[in-house]
Amino acid sequence: MPRIVRFIAYSDYLCPWCWNASRRIGRLEEEYRGRIEVLWRSYLLRPDEKGSRDPEKFRRYTQSWAGAGAEADAGEFRVWSSQDPPPTHSLPAHRVAKAAARVGSDAFRRVHDRLMVAYFTENRDISSFDVLLELWLEQGLAAADFEVAHLDEIEAQVLYEHDQAREWGANGVPAIRRADNDAVIVGAHPEELYRRWIDRSLERGEGLVEAGSPSD
């Protein structure tokens, strides 16, 4: 059985910097395919349904996305232009991502990426299960599998991962740690920083696990 270096990445679908980090880490997953594994875990910046649903107020907030969007390898960020209300909280998107993970790793990655494009570029309410179902079906996934997102055990998994991230010292996202180490790196760092970390781990044989072995 081949041995790989496993990383745990904590992220939230309402976090603009998480999109940039996800894009960078995704490229590295392809570059180091078969040598590393990145497991995505939930972190809830907005765990509860609260806050303004006023599109104009939210539009002013989304002007701050310009900072993340100014980076050379950033995703496409658009100031909120939809007349639809903004998302109420983080949990629904994480529920759907977890349901996709139950289908398979490829389904998860497609849904994971699609959620961020839908929110930051298309200005869609990714706390709406109607919107989330549309995004799900766009990926060619079965409607029956979407229902998994509503299970109590899925919510429990999301909340557990959030609490675990806090215990590891993640006081914000994006955050990543090597699975064998409790040191968490917080922030959307340059791709080269992540690459150096990966190269050093591989060269030293640190954090190696058997591919396909159980994760935390």
N, C-alpha and C. Protein backbone atom coordinates (compact mmCIF):
# COMPACT_ATOMS: atom_id res chain seq x y z
N MET A 1 0.85 -1.19 0.00
CA MET A 1 0.00 0.00 0.00
C MET A 1 0.89 1.24 0.00
N PRO A 2 0.71 2.18 -0.95
CA PRO A 2 1.54 3.39 -0.98
C PRO A 2 1.30 4.25 0.25
N ARG A 3 2.32 5.04 0.60
CA ARG A 3 2.22 5.93 1.74
C ARG A 3 2.19 7.38 1.25
N ILE A 4 1.37 8.17 1.89
CA ILE A 4 1.14 9.56 1.49
C ILE A 4 1.24 10.46 2.72
N VAL A 5 1.33 11.76 2.48
CA VAL A 5 1.24 12.74 3.56
C VAL A 5 -0.18 13.30 3.56
N ARG A 6 -0.82 13.23 4.71
CA ARG A 6 -2.21 13.67 4.82
C ARG A 6 -2.30 15.02 5.52
N PHE A 7 -3.08 15.92 4.93
CA PHE A 7 -3.33 17.23 5.52
C PHE A 7 -4.83 17.39 5.79
N ILE A 8 -5.14 18.16 6.81
CA ILE A 8 -6.53 18.48 7.15
C ILE A 8 -6.72 19.98 6.93
N ALA A 9 -7.68 20.34 6.08
CA ALA A 9 -7.94 21.75 5.77
C ALA A 9 -9.32 22.13 6.29
N TYR A 10 -9.38 23.19 7.07
CA TYR A 10 -10.63 23.71 7.61
C TYR A 10 -11.05 24.94 6.82
N SER A 11 -12.32 24.99 6.46
CA SER A 11 -12.77 26.03 5.54
C SER A 11 -14.25 26.32 5.74
N ASP A 12 -14.67 27.50 5.28
CA ASP A 12 -16.09 27.85 5.30
C ASP A 12 -16.47 28.41 3.94
N TYR A 13 -17.66 28.08 3.47
CA TYR A 13 -18.09 28.48 2.13
C TYR A 13 -18.48 29.96 2.04
N LEU A 14 -18.55 30.64 3.17
CA LEU A 14 -18.84 32.08 3.16
C LEU A 14 -17.59 32.91 3.36
N CYS A 15 -16.42 32.28 3.32
CA CYS A 15 -15.15 32.96 3.57
C CYS A 15 -14.42 33.21 2.25
N PRO A 16 -14.23 34.48 1.84
CA PRO A 16 -13.57 34.74 0.56
C PRO A 16 -12.13 34.23 0.51
N TRP A 17 -11.41 34.32 1.61
CA TRP A 17 -10.02 33.85 1.62
C TRP A 17 -9.95 32.33 1.52
N CYS A 18 -11.02 31.66 1.97
CA CYS A 18 -11.05 30.20 1.85
C CYS A 18 -11.10 29.77 0.38
N TRP A 19 -11.75 30.58 -0.45
CA TRP A 19 -11.79 30.22 -1.87
C TRP A 19 -10.41 30.29 -2.48
N ASN A 20 -9.68 31.35 -2.18
CA ASN A 20 -8.32 31.44 -2.71
C ASN A 20 -7.45 30.29 -2.22
N ALA A 21 -7.54 29.98 -0.92
CA ALA A 21 -6.75 28.87 -0.38
C ALA A 21 -7.16 27.55 -1.02
N SER A 22 -8.44 27.36 -1.24
CA SER A 22 -8.92 26.13 -1.84
C SER A 22 -8.38 25.96 -3.26
N ARG A 23 -8.34 27.04 -4.01
CA ARG A 23 -7.81 26.97 -5.37
C ARG A 23 -6.33 26.59 -5.36
N ARG A 24 -5.58 27.19 -4.44
CA ARG A 24 -4.14 26.88 -4.36
C ARG A 24 -3.92 25.43 -3.94
N ILE A 25 -4.62 25.02 -2.91
CA ILE A 25 -4.46 23.65 -2.42
C ILE A 25 -4.93 22.66 -3.46
N GLY A 26 -6.00 22.99 -4.20
CA GLY A 26 -6.48 22.11 -5.26
C GLY A 26 -5.43 21.89 -6.33
N ARG A 27 -4.72 22.95 -6.70
CA ARG A 27 -3.65 22.80 -7.70
C ARG A 27 -2.53 21.89 -7.16
N LEU A 28 -2.22 22.04 -5.89
CA LEU A 28 -1.17 21.21 -5.29
C LEU A 28 -1.62 19.76 -5.18
N GLU A 29 -2.90 19.53 -4.94
CA GLU A 29 -3.41 18.15 -4.92
C GLU A 29 -3.17 17.48 -6.26
N GLU A 30 -3.36 18.23 -7.34
CA GLU A 30 -3.09 17.67 -8.67
C GLU A 30 -1.59 17.48 -8.89
N GLU A 31 -0.79 18.45 -8.50
CA GLU A 31 0.66 18.40 -8.70
C GLU A 31 1.28 17.22 -7.94
N TYR A 32 0.76 16.96 -6.74
CA TYR A 32 1.33 15.90 -5.90
C TYR A 32 0.39 14.69 -5.82
N ARG A 33 -0.38 14.49 -6.85
CA ARG A 33 -1.34 13.38 -6.86
C ARG A 33 -0.62 12.06 -6.56
N GLY A 34 -1.20 11.30 -5.63
CA GLY A 34 -0.62 10.03 -5.24
C GLY A 34 0.43 10.15 -4.16
N ARG A 35 0.78 11.39 -3.78
CA ARG A 35 1.78 11.59 -2.72
C ARG A 35 1.22 12.34 -1.52
N ILE A 36 0.15 13.11 -1.73
CA ILE A 36 -0.49 13.78 -0.61
C ILE A 36 -2.00 13.56 -0.68
N GLU A 37 -2.65 13.81 0.43
CA GLU A 37 -4.11 13.76 0.52
C GLU A 37 -4.54 14.94 1.37
N VAL A 38 -5.54 15.67 0.89
CA VAL A 38 -6.09 16.79 1.65
C VAL A 38 -7.54 16.47 1.98
N LEU A 39 -7.84 16.44 3.26
CA LEU A 39 -9.20 16.19 3.72
C LEU A 39 -9.81 17.50 4.18
N TRP A 40 -10.95 17.85 3.58
CA TRP A 40 -11.59 19.13 3.88
C TRP A 40 -12.57 18.96 5.03
N ARG A 41 -12.47 19.86 5.99
CA ARG A 41 -13.30 19.81 7.18
C ARG A 41 -14.04 21.14 7.36
N SER A 42 -15.16 21.07 8.06
CA SER A 42 -16.05 22.22 8.21
C SER A 42 -15.62 23.15 9.33
N TYR A 43 -15.79 24.44 9.05
CA TYR A 43 -15.63 25.49 10.06
C TYR A 43 -16.76 26.48 9.78
N LEU A 44 -17.47 26.88 10.81
CA LEU A 44 -18.66 27.71 10.63
C LEU A 44 -18.39 29.14 11.08
N LEU A 45 -18.17 30.03 10.11
CA LEU A 45 -18.04 31.44 10.45
C LEU A 45 -19.36 32.03 10.91
N ARG A 46 -20.44 31.53 10.35
CA ARG A 46 -21.77 31.98 10.74
C ARG A 46 -22.60 30.75 11.10
N PRO A 47 -22.45 30.24 12.32
CA PRO A 47 -23.13 29.00 12.69
C PRO A 47 -24.64 29.12 12.86
N ASP A 48 -25.12 30.32 13.14
CA ASP A 48 -26.54 30.51 13.45
C ASP A 48 -27.21 31.42 12.43
N GLU A 49 -28.50 31.24 12.30
CA GLU A 49 -29.30 32.09 11.40
C GLU A 49 -29.55 33.43 12.07
N LYS A 50 -28.73 34.40 11.73
CA LYS A 50 -28.93 35.73 12.29
C LYS A 50 -28.25 36.73 11.38
N GLY A 51 -28.52 37.97 11.62
CA GLY A 51 -27.93 39.01 10.80
C GLY A 51 -28.91 39.55 9.77
N SER A 52 -28.52 40.62 9.14
CA SER A 52 -29.39 41.30 8.18
C SER A 52 -29.54 40.49 6.90
N ARG A 53 -30.76 40.52 6.35
CA ARG A 53 -31.01 39.92 5.04
C ARG A 53 -31.22 41.02 4.00
N ASP A 54 -30.79 42.21 4.31
CA ASP A 54 -30.95 43.36 3.43
C ASP A 54 -29.90 43.29 2.32
N PRO A 55 -30.31 43.09 1.06
CA PRO A 55 -29.32 42.96 -0.02
C PRO A 55 -28.41 44.19 -0.15
N GLU A 56 -28.94 45.39 0.09
CA GLU A 56 -28.11 46.58 -0.06
C GLU A 56 -27.04 46.65 1.02
N LYS A 57 -27.39 46.33 2.24
CA LYS A 57 -26.40 46.30 3.32
C LYS A 57 -25.34 45.24 3.04
N PHE A 58 -25.80 44.10 2.56
CA PHE A 58 -24.86 43.03 2.26
C PHE A 58 -23.97 43.40 1.08
N ARG A 59 -24.54 44.11 0.11
CA ARG A 59 -23.75 44.55 -1.04
C ARG A 59 -22.57 45.38 -0.58
N ARG A 60 -22.81 46.27 0.38
CA ARG A 60 -21.70 47.09 0.90
C ARG A 60 -20.64 46.22 1.56
N TYR A 61 -21.08 45.19 2.28
CA TYR A 61 -20.10 44.28 2.90
C TYR A 61 -19.25 43.59 1.83
N THR A 62 -19.88 43.15 0.73
CA THR A 62 -19.13 42.38 -0.26
C THR A 62 -18.11 43.21 -1.03
N GLN A 63 -18.15 44.51 -0.87
CA GLN A 63 -17.08 45.32 -1.45
C GLN A 63 -15.73 44.96 -0.83
N SER A 64 -15.76 44.41 0.38
CA SER A 64 -14.51 44.00 1.04
C SER A 64 -13.89 42.78 0.37
N TRP A 65 -14.64 42.08 -0.47
CA TRP A 65 -14.09 40.93 -1.19
C TRP A 65 -13.01 41.37 -2.18
N ALA A 66 -12.93 42.65 -2.46
CA ALA A 66 -11.93 43.15 -3.41
C ALA A 66 -10.52 42.80 -2.97
N GLY A 67 -10.30 42.73 -1.66
CA GLY A 67 -8.97 42.38 -1.16
C GLY A 67 -8.57 40.98 -1.58
N ALA A 68 -9.46 40.02 -1.38
CA ALA A 68 -9.18 38.64 -1.79
C ALA A 68 -9.10 38.55 -3.31
N GLY A 69 -9.97 39.28 -3.99
CA GLY A 69 -10.01 39.20 -5.44
C GLY A 69 -8.82 39.85 -6.12
N ALA A 70 -8.08 40.68 -5.41
CA ALA A 70 -6.93 41.37 -6.00
C ALA A 70 -5.70 40.48 -6.13
N GLU A 71 -5.71 39.33 -5.48
CA GLU A 71 -4.55 38.45 -5.56
C GLU A 71 -4.48 37.81 -6.94
N ALA A 72 -3.26 37.57 -7.40
CA ALA A 72 -3.04 37.14 -8.79
C ALA A 72 -3.74 35.84 -9.13
N ASP A 73 -3.83 34.93 -8.17
CA ASP A 73 -4.42 33.62 -8.46
C ASP A 73 -5.81 33.47 -7.84
N ALA A 74 -6.47 34.59 -7.60
CA ALA A 74 -7.77 34.57 -6.92
C ALA A 74 -8.87 34.05 -7.83
N GLY A 75 -9.95 33.64 -7.17
CA GLY A 75 -11.17 33.37 -7.89
C GLY A 75 -11.82 34.68 -8.33
N GLU A 76 -12.94 34.59 -9.01
CA GLU A 76 -13.64 35.80 -9.47
C GLU A 76 -14.67 36.21 -8.42
N PHE A 77 -14.45 37.38 -7.84
CA PHE A 77 -15.35 37.91 -6.82
C PHE A 77 -16.16 39.08 -7.41
N ARG A 78 -17.46 39.06 -7.16
CA ARG A 78 -18.32 40.15 -7.62
C ARG A 78 -19.09 40.73 -6.45
N VAL A 79 -19.11 42.05 -6.41
CA VAL A 79 -19.93 42.72 -5.40
C VAL A 79 -21.37 42.27 -5.59
N TRP A 80 -22.06 42.01 -4.48
CA TRP A 80 -23.41 41.43 -4.52
C TRP A 80 -24.33 42.28 -5.40
N SER A 81 -24.83 41.65 -6.46
CA SER A 81 -25.70 42.36 -7.39
C SER A 81 -27.08 41.72 -7.48
N SER A 82 -27.26 40.61 -6.79
CA SER A 82 -28.53 39.90 -6.82
C SER A 82 -29.56 40.59 -5.95
N GLN A 83 -30.81 40.52 -6.34
CA GLN A 83 -31.90 40.99 -5.50
C GLN A 83 -32.34 39.92 -4.52
N ASP A 84 -31.77 38.74 -4.67
CA ASP A 84 -32.04 37.69 -3.69
C ASP A 84 -31.37 38.06 -2.37
N PRO A 85 -31.92 37.62 -1.26
CA PRO A 85 -31.28 37.90 0.03
C PRO A 85 -29.96 37.15 0.15
N PRO A 86 -29.03 37.66 0.94
CA PRO A 86 -27.76 36.97 1.14
C PRO A 86 -27.96 35.73 2.02
N PRO A 87 -26.96 34.87 2.09
CA PRO A 87 -27.07 33.67 2.94
C PRO A 87 -27.30 34.02 4.41
N THR A 88 -28.08 33.20 5.06
CA THR A 88 -28.37 33.41 6.48
C THR A 88 -27.27 32.86 7.38
N HIS A 89 -26.66 31.73 6.99
CA HIS A 89 -25.64 31.10 7.83
C HIS A 89 -24.89 30.05 7.02
N SER A 90 -23.86 29.49 7.64
CA SER A 90 -22.93 28.60 6.94
C SER A 90 -23.38 27.15 6.84
N LEU A 91 -24.21 26.71 7.77
CA LEU A 91 -24.48 25.28 7.92
C LEU A 91 -25.04 24.59 6.68
N PRO A 92 -26.04 25.15 5.98
CA PRO A 92 -26.62 24.41 4.85
C PRO A 92 -25.59 23.99 3.80
N ALA A 93 -24.69 24.88 3.42
CA ALA A 93 -23.68 24.54 2.40
C ALA A 93 -22.79 23.40 2.88
N HIS A 94 -22.43 23.42 4.15
CA HIS A 94 -21.60 22.34 4.68
C HIS A 94 -22.36 21.01 4.69
N ARG A 95 -23.64 21.06 5.00
CA ARG A 95 -24.45 19.84 4.95
C ARG A 95 -24.40 19.21 3.56
N VAL A 96 -24.55 20.06 2.54
CA VAL A 96 -24.59 19.55 1.17
C VAL A 96 -23.21 19.04 0.75
N ALA A 97 -22.15 19.72 1.16
CA ALA A 97 -20.80 19.23 0.86
C ALA A 97 -20.57 17.87 1.49
N LYS A 98 -21.05 17.67 2.70
CA LYS A 98 -20.90 16.37 3.36
C LYS A 98 -21.69 15.29 2.63
N ALA A 99 -22.88 15.66 2.15
CA ALA A 99 -23.67 14.70 1.38
C ALA A 99 -22.92 14.30 0.11
N ALA A 100 -22.28 15.26 -0.54
CA ALA A 100 -21.49 14.96 -1.74
C ALA A 100 -20.33 14.04 -1.42
N ALA A 101 -19.70 14.25 -0.26
CA ALA A 101 -18.58 13.39 0.14
C ALA A 101 -19.05 11.95 0.33
N ARG A 102 -20.29 11.77 0.74
CA ARG A 102 -20.82 10.41 0.87
C ARG A 102 -20.93 9.73 -0.51
N VAL A 103 -21.14 10.54 -1.55
CA VAL A 103 -21.20 9.99 -2.91
C VAL A 103 -19.81 9.58 -3.37
N GLY A 104 -18.81 10.42 -3.07
CA GLY A 104 -17.44 10.11 -3.48
C GLY A 104 -16.58 11.36 -3.48
N SER A 105 -15.27 11.16 -3.55
CA SER A 105 -14.34 12.28 -3.48
C SER A 105 -14.47 13.22 -4.67
N ASP A 106 -14.74 12.67 -5.86
CA ASP A 106 -14.90 13.52 -7.03
C ASP A 106 -16.16 14.37 -6.91
N ALA A 107 -17.25 13.78 -6.43
CA ALA A 107 -18.49 14.53 -6.24
C ALA A 107 -18.28 15.63 -5.22
N PHE A 108 -17.54 15.32 -4.16
CA PHE A 108 -17.28 16.36 -3.16
C PHE A 108 -16.54 17.53 -3.77
N ARG A 109 -15.48 17.25 -4.52
CA ARG A 109 -14.67 18.35 -5.04
C ARG A 109 -15.48 19.20 -6.01
N ARG A 110 -16.34 18.57 -6.82
CA ARG A 110 -17.15 19.36 -7.75
C ARG A 110 -18.13 20.26 -7.00
N VAL A 111 -18.78 19.71 -5.99
CA VAL A 111 -19.74 20.49 -5.22
C VAL A 111 -19.01 21.56 -4.41
N HIS A 112 -17.90 21.20 -3.81
CA HIS A 112 -17.08 22.15 -3.04
C HIS A 112 -16.73 23.38 -3.88
N ASP A 113 -16.24 23.16 -5.08
CA ASP A 113 -15.87 24.27 -5.96
C ASP A 113 -17.11 25.04 -6.43
N ARG A 114 -18.16 24.31 -6.73
CA ARG A 114 -19.37 24.95 -7.27
C ARG A 114 -20.02 25.87 -6.25
N LEU A 115 -19.98 25.49 -4.99
CA LEU A 115 -20.57 26.33 -3.95
C LEU A 115 -19.88 27.69 -3.90
N MET A 116 -18.59 27.70 -4.04
CA MET A 116 -17.86 28.96 -3.95
C MET A 116 -18.09 29.85 -5.17
N VAL A 117 -18.14 29.25 -6.33
CA VAL A 117 -18.45 30.03 -7.53
C VAL A 117 -19.86 30.61 -7.42
N ALA A 118 -20.80 29.79 -6.96
CA ALA A 118 -22.19 30.24 -6.85
C ALA A 118 -22.31 31.44 -5.93
N TYR A 119 -21.58 31.42 -4.85
CA TYR A 119 -21.67 32.51 -3.87
C TYR A 119 -20.88 33.74 -4.30
N PHE A 120 -19.60 33.57 -4.54
CA PHE A 120 -18.74 34.73 -4.74
C PHE A 120 -18.84 35.33 -6.14
N THR A 121 -19.13 34.53 -7.14
CA THR A 121 -19.20 35.04 -8.51
C THR A 121 -20.63 35.27 -8.97
N GLU A 122 -21.52 34.35 -8.62
CA GLU A 122 -22.90 34.43 -9.10
C GLU A 122 -23.84 35.08 -8.10
N ASN A 123 -23.36 35.33 -6.88
CA ASN A 123 -24.17 35.98 -5.85
C ASN A 123 -25.47 35.22 -5.57
N ARG A 124 -25.35 33.93 -5.36
CA ARG A 124 -26.51 33.11 -5.05
C ARG A 124 -26.54 32.78 -3.57
N ASP A 125 -27.74 32.60 -3.06
CA ASP A 125 -27.94 32.33 -1.64
C ASP A 125 -27.68 30.85 -1.36
N ILE A 126 -26.45 30.53 -0.93
CA ILE A 126 -26.11 29.12 -0.71
C ILE A 126 -26.52 28.64 0.69
N SER A 127 -27.41 29.40 1.34
CA SER A 127 -28.07 28.86 2.53
C SER A 127 -29.48 28.37 2.19
N SER A 128 -29.89 28.58 0.95
CA SER A 128 -31.21 28.13 0.49
C SER A 128 -31.10 26.71 -0.06
N PHE A 129 -31.87 25.79 0.48
CA PHE A 129 -31.82 24.41 -0.01
C PHE A 129 -32.36 24.29 -1.43
N ASP A 130 -33.21 25.21 -1.85
CA ASP A 130 -33.66 25.21 -3.25
C ASP A 130 -32.48 25.51 -4.17
N VAL A 131 -31.69 26.52 -3.82
CA VAL A 131 -30.49 26.85 -4.60
C VAL A 131 -29.50 25.70 -4.55
N LEU A 132 -29.30 25.16 -3.37
CA LEU A 132 -28.33 24.07 -3.21
C LEU A 132 -28.72 22.84 -4.02
N LEU A 133 -30.00 22.56 -4.10
CA LEU A 133 -30.44 21.43 -4.92
C LEU A 133 -30.16 21.69 -6.39
N GLU A 134 -30.39 22.91 -6.85
CA GLU A 134 -30.07 23.24 -8.25
C GLU A 134 -28.59 23.01 -8.54
N LEU A 135 -27.74 23.47 -7.65
CA LEU A 135 -26.30 23.29 -7.84
C LEU A 135 -25.93 21.82 -7.83
N TRP A 136 -26.56 21.07 -6.97
CA TRP A 136 -26.33 19.62 -6.86
C TRP A 136 -26.68 18.92 -8.17
N LEU A 137 -27.86 19.21 -8.68
CA LEU A 137 -28.32 18.54 -9.90
C LEU A 137 -27.47 18.96 -11.10
N GLU A 138 -26.95 20.20 -11.10
CA GLU A 138 -26.05 20.63 -12.17
C GLU A 138 -24.84 19.71 -12.30
N GLN A 139 -24.43 19.14 -11.19
CA GLN A 139 -23.25 18.26 -11.18
C GLN A 139 -23.58 16.83 -11.57
N GLY A 140 -24.82 16.59 -11.97
CA GLY A 140 -25.22 15.26 -12.41
C GLY A 140 -25.41 14.29 -11.27
N LEU A 141 -25.61 14.80 -10.06
CA LEU A 141 -25.79 13.94 -8.90
C LEU A 141 -27.27 13.63 -8.69
N ALA A 142 -27.54 12.48 -8.11
CA ALA A 142 -28.91 12.02 -7.95
C ALA A 142 -29.63 12.81 -6.87
N ALA A 143 -30.88 13.16 -7.15
CA ALA A 143 -31.67 13.92 -6.18
C ALA A 143 -31.83 13.16 -4.88
N ALA A 144 -31.93 11.84 -4.96
CA ALA A 144 -32.09 11.03 -3.75
C ALA A 144 -30.89 11.17 -2.82
N ASP A 145 -29.71 11.30 -3.38
CA ASP A 145 -28.51 11.44 -2.56
C ASP A 145 -28.45 12.80 -1.87
N PHE A 146 -29.13 13.79 -2.43
CA PHE A 146 -29.17 15.12 -1.82
C PHE A 146 -29.84 15.08 -0.46
N GLU A 147 -30.79 14.17 -0.30
CA GLU A 147 -31.55 14.10 0.95
C GLU A 147 -30.67 13.77 2.14
N VAL A 148 -29.50 13.19 1.89
CA VAL A 148 -28.57 12.89 2.98
C VAL A 148 -28.20 14.17 3.74
N ALA A 149 -28.20 15.29 3.04
CA ALA A 149 -27.82 16.57 3.65
C ALA A 149 -28.72 16.93 4.83
N HIS A 150 -29.93 16.38 4.86
CA HIS A 150 -30.88 16.73 5.91
C HIS A 150 -30.78 15.83 7.14
N LEU A 151 -29.93 14.83 7.09
CA LEU A 151 -29.82 13.90 8.22
C LEU A 151 -29.20 14.58 9.44
N ASP A 152 -29.68 14.21 10.61
CA ASP A 152 -29.13 14.75 11.85
C ASP A 152 -27.65 14.41 11.98
N GLU A 153 -27.27 13.22 11.53
CA GLU A 153 -25.87 12.81 11.67
C GLU A 153 -24.93 13.69 10.83
N ILE A 154 -25.43 14.24 9.73
CA ILE A 154 -24.61 15.14 8.91
C ILE A 154 -24.38 16.45 9.67
N GLU A 155 -25.44 16.99 10.26
CA GLU A 155 -25.26 18.20 11.05
C GLU A 155 -24.30 17.95 12.21
N ALA A 156 -24.44 16.80 12.87
CA ALA A 156 -23.56 16.47 13.98
C ALA A 156 -22.10 16.40 13.53
N GLN A 157 -21.86 15.86 12.33
CA GLN A 157 -20.51 15.78 11.80
C GLN A 157 -19.93 17.17 11.56
N VAL A 158 -20.73 18.05 10.97
CA VAL A 158 -20.27 19.42 10.70
C VAL A 158 -19.91 20.12 12.01
N LEU A 159 -20.78 20.02 12.99
CA LEU A 159 -20.54 20.69 14.27
C LEU A 159 -19.33 20.10 14.99
N TYR A 160 -19.16 18.79 14.90
CA TYR A 160 -18.00 18.15 15.51
C TYR A 160 -16.71 18.66 14.88
N GLU A 161 -16.68 18.75 13.56
CA GLU A 161 -15.48 19.23 12.88
C GLU A 161 -15.16 20.68 13.24
N HIS A 162 -16.20 21.49 13.35
CA HIS A 162 -15.99 22.88 13.76
C HIS A 162 -15.39 22.95 15.16
N ASP A 163 -15.96 22.19 16.08
CA ASP A 163 -15.45 22.19 17.45
C ASP A 163 -14.02 21.65 17.50
N GLN A 164 -13.75 20.62 16.71
CA GLN A 164 -12.42 20.03 16.67
C GLN A 164 -11.40 21.06 16.16
N ALA A 165 -11.77 21.81 15.13
CA ALA A 165 -10.87 22.84 14.60
C ALA A 165 -10.53 23.86 15.67
N ARG A 166 -11.52 24.26 16.44
CA ARG A 166 -11.27 25.22 17.52
C ARG A 166 -10.33 24.62 18.57
N GLU A 167 -10.52 23.35 18.86
CA GLU A 167 -9.65 22.69 19.84
C GLU A 167 -8.21 22.63 19.35
N TRP A 168 -8.03 22.47 18.04
CA TRP A 168 -6.68 22.42 17.48
C TRP A 168 -6.04 23.81 17.43
N GLY A 169 -6.83 24.84 17.72
CA GLY A 169 -6.28 26.19 17.73
C GLY A 169 -6.61 27.01 16.50
N ALA A 170 -7.51 26.53 15.66
CA ALA A 170 -7.92 27.29 14.48
C ALA A 170 -8.91 28.36 14.93
N ASN A 171 -8.43 29.60 15.03
CA ASN A 171 -9.31 30.69 15.45
C ASN A 171 -9.86 31.46 14.26
N GLY A 172 -9.72 30.89 13.09
CA GLY A 172 -10.24 31.47 11.86
C GLY A 172 -9.92 30.53 10.72
N VAL A 173 -10.39 30.88 9.55
CA VAL A 173 -10.15 30.06 8.36
C VAL A 173 -9.77 30.98 7.20
N PRO A 174 -9.10 30.37 6.19
CA PRO A 174 -8.71 28.98 6.06
C PRO A 174 -7.63 28.59 7.06
N ALA A 175 -7.61 27.30 7.40
CA ALA A 175 -6.60 26.77 8.30
C ALA A 175 -6.25 25.37 7.85
N ILE A 176 -5.00 25.00 8.03
CA ILE A 176 -4.57 23.67 7.60
C ILE A 176 -3.52 23.14 8.57
N ARG A 177 -3.55 21.85 8.79
CA ARG A 177 -2.54 21.19 9.60
C ARG A 177 -2.19 19.85 8.96
N ARG A 178 -1.01 19.37 9.27
CA ARG A 178 -0.67 18.01 8.86
C ARG A 178 -1.36 17.07 9.84
N ALA A 179 -1.89 15.98 9.37
CA ALA A 179 -2.77 15.16 10.18
C ALA A 179 -2.09 14.60 11.42
N ASP A 180 -0.77 14.46 11.39
CA ASP A 180 -0.06 13.89 12.55
C ASP A 180 0.41 14.95 13.53
N ASN A 181 0.05 16.21 13.28
CA ASN A 181 0.61 17.31 14.05
C ASN A 181 -0.50 18.26 14.46
N ASP A 182 -0.43 18.78 15.68
CA ASP A 182 -1.50 19.67 16.13
C ASP A 182 -1.24 21.13 15.80
N ALA A 183 -0.16 21.42 15.08
CA ALA A 183 0.14 22.80 14.70
C ALA A 183 -0.72 23.21 13.51
N VAL A 184 -1.52 24.26 13.67
CA VAL A 184 -2.44 24.73 12.63
C VAL A 184 -1.89 26.01 12.01
N ILE A 185 -1.85 26.05 10.69
CA ILE A 185 -1.46 27.26 9.97
C ILE A 185 -2.74 27.96 9.50
N VAL A 186 -2.96 29.16 9.99
CA VAL A 186 -4.19 29.90 9.67
C VAL A 186 -3.88 30.96 8.62
N GLY A 187 -4.76 31.09 7.64
CA GLY A 187 -4.62 32.12 6.62
C GLY A 187 -4.49 31.53 5.23
N ALA A 188 -4.79 32.36 4.23
CA ALA A 188 -4.66 31.95 2.83
C ALA A 188 -3.24 32.28 2.38
N HIS A 189 -2.34 31.36 2.57
CA HIS A 189 -0.93 31.61 2.30
C HIS A 189 -0.59 31.39 0.83
N PRO A 190 0.51 31.94 0.37
CA PRO A 190 0.93 31.72 -1.02
C PRO A 190 1.13 30.23 -1.30
N GLU A 191 0.88 29.86 -2.53
CA GLU A 191 1.02 28.46 -2.93
C GLU A 191 2.42 27.93 -2.62
N GLU A 192 3.43 28.77 -2.77
CA GLU A 192 4.80 28.33 -2.55
C GLU A 192 5.04 27.93 -1.10
N LEU A 193 4.39 28.59 -0.17
CA LEU A 193 4.54 28.20 1.24
C LEU A 193 4.01 26.79 1.46
N TYR A 194 2.82 26.51 0.92
CA TYR A 194 2.27 25.17 1.04
C TYR A 194 3.18 24.15 0.36
N ARG A 195 3.72 24.52 -0.80
CA ARG A 195 4.58 23.60 -1.54
C ARG A 195 5.84 23.25 -0.73
N ARG A 196 6.44 24.25 -0.10
CA ARG A 196 7.62 23.98 0.71
C ARG A 196 7.31 23.04 1.86
N TRP A 197 6.16 23.23 2.46
CA TRP A 197 5.72 22.36 3.57
C TRP A 197 5.55 20.92 3.07
N ILE A 198 4.92 20.78 1.93
CA ILE A 198 4.74 19.44 1.35
C ILE A 198 6.08 18.81 1.02
N ASP A 199 6.95 19.56 0.35
CA ASP A 199 8.25 19.01 -0.05
C ASP A 199 9.06 18.59 1.17
N ARG A 200 9.07 19.42 2.19
CA ARG A 200 9.83 19.09 3.40
C ARG A 200 9.28 17.83 4.07
N SER A 201 7.95 17.71 4.11
CA SER A 201 7.34 16.53 4.71
C SER A 201 7.70 15.27 3.94
N LEU A 202 7.65 15.36 2.60
CA LEU A 202 7.98 14.20 1.78
C LEU A 202 9.46 13.84 1.90
N GLU A 203 10.32 14.84 1.88
CA GLU A 203 11.76 14.57 1.97
C GLU A 203 12.13 13.94 3.29
N ARG A 204 11.50 14.36 4.36
CA ARG A 204 11.83 13.86 5.70
C ARG A 204 11.01 12.64 6.09
N GLY A 205 10.04 12.29 5.25
CA GLY A 205 9.18 11.17 5.58
C GLY A 205 8.28 11.44 6.77
N GLU A 206 7.90 12.71 6.96
CA GLU A 206 7.08 13.09 8.10
C GLU A 206 5.61 13.05 7.73
N GLY A 207 4.81 12.58 8.66
CA GLY A 207 3.36 12.57 8.46
C GLY A 207 2.86 11.53 7.49
N LEU A 208 3.66 10.53 7.19
CA LEU A 208 3.25 9.52 6.22
C LEU A 208 2.21 8.57 6.81
N VAL A 209 1.19 8.28 6.03
CA VAL A 209 0.17 7.29 6.40
C VAL A 209 -0.10 6.43 5.16
N GLU A 210 -0.69 5.29 5.37
CA GLU A 210 -1.08 4.45 4.25
C GLU A 210 -2.26 5.08 3.52
N ALA A 211 -2.17 5.14 2.21
CA ALA A 211 -3.28 5.64 1.41
C ALA A 211 -4.53 4.81 1.69
N GLY A 212 -5.62 5.50 1.91
CA GLY A 212 -6.87 4.79 2.18
C GLY A 212 -7.08 4.43 3.63
N SER A 213 -6.11 4.75 4.49
CA SER A 213 -6.26 4.43 5.92
C SER A 213 -7.29 5.37 6.53
N PRO A 214 -7.92 4.95 7.65
CA PRO A 214 -8.95 5.80 8.27
C PRO A 214 -8.37 7.15 8.68
N SER A 215 -9.19 8.18 8.56
CA SER A 215 -8.79 9.53 8.98
C SER A 215 -9.42 9.84 10.31
N ASP A 216 -9.03 10.99 10.89
CA ASP A 216 -9.62 11.37 12.17
C ASP A 216 -11.04 11.81 12.00
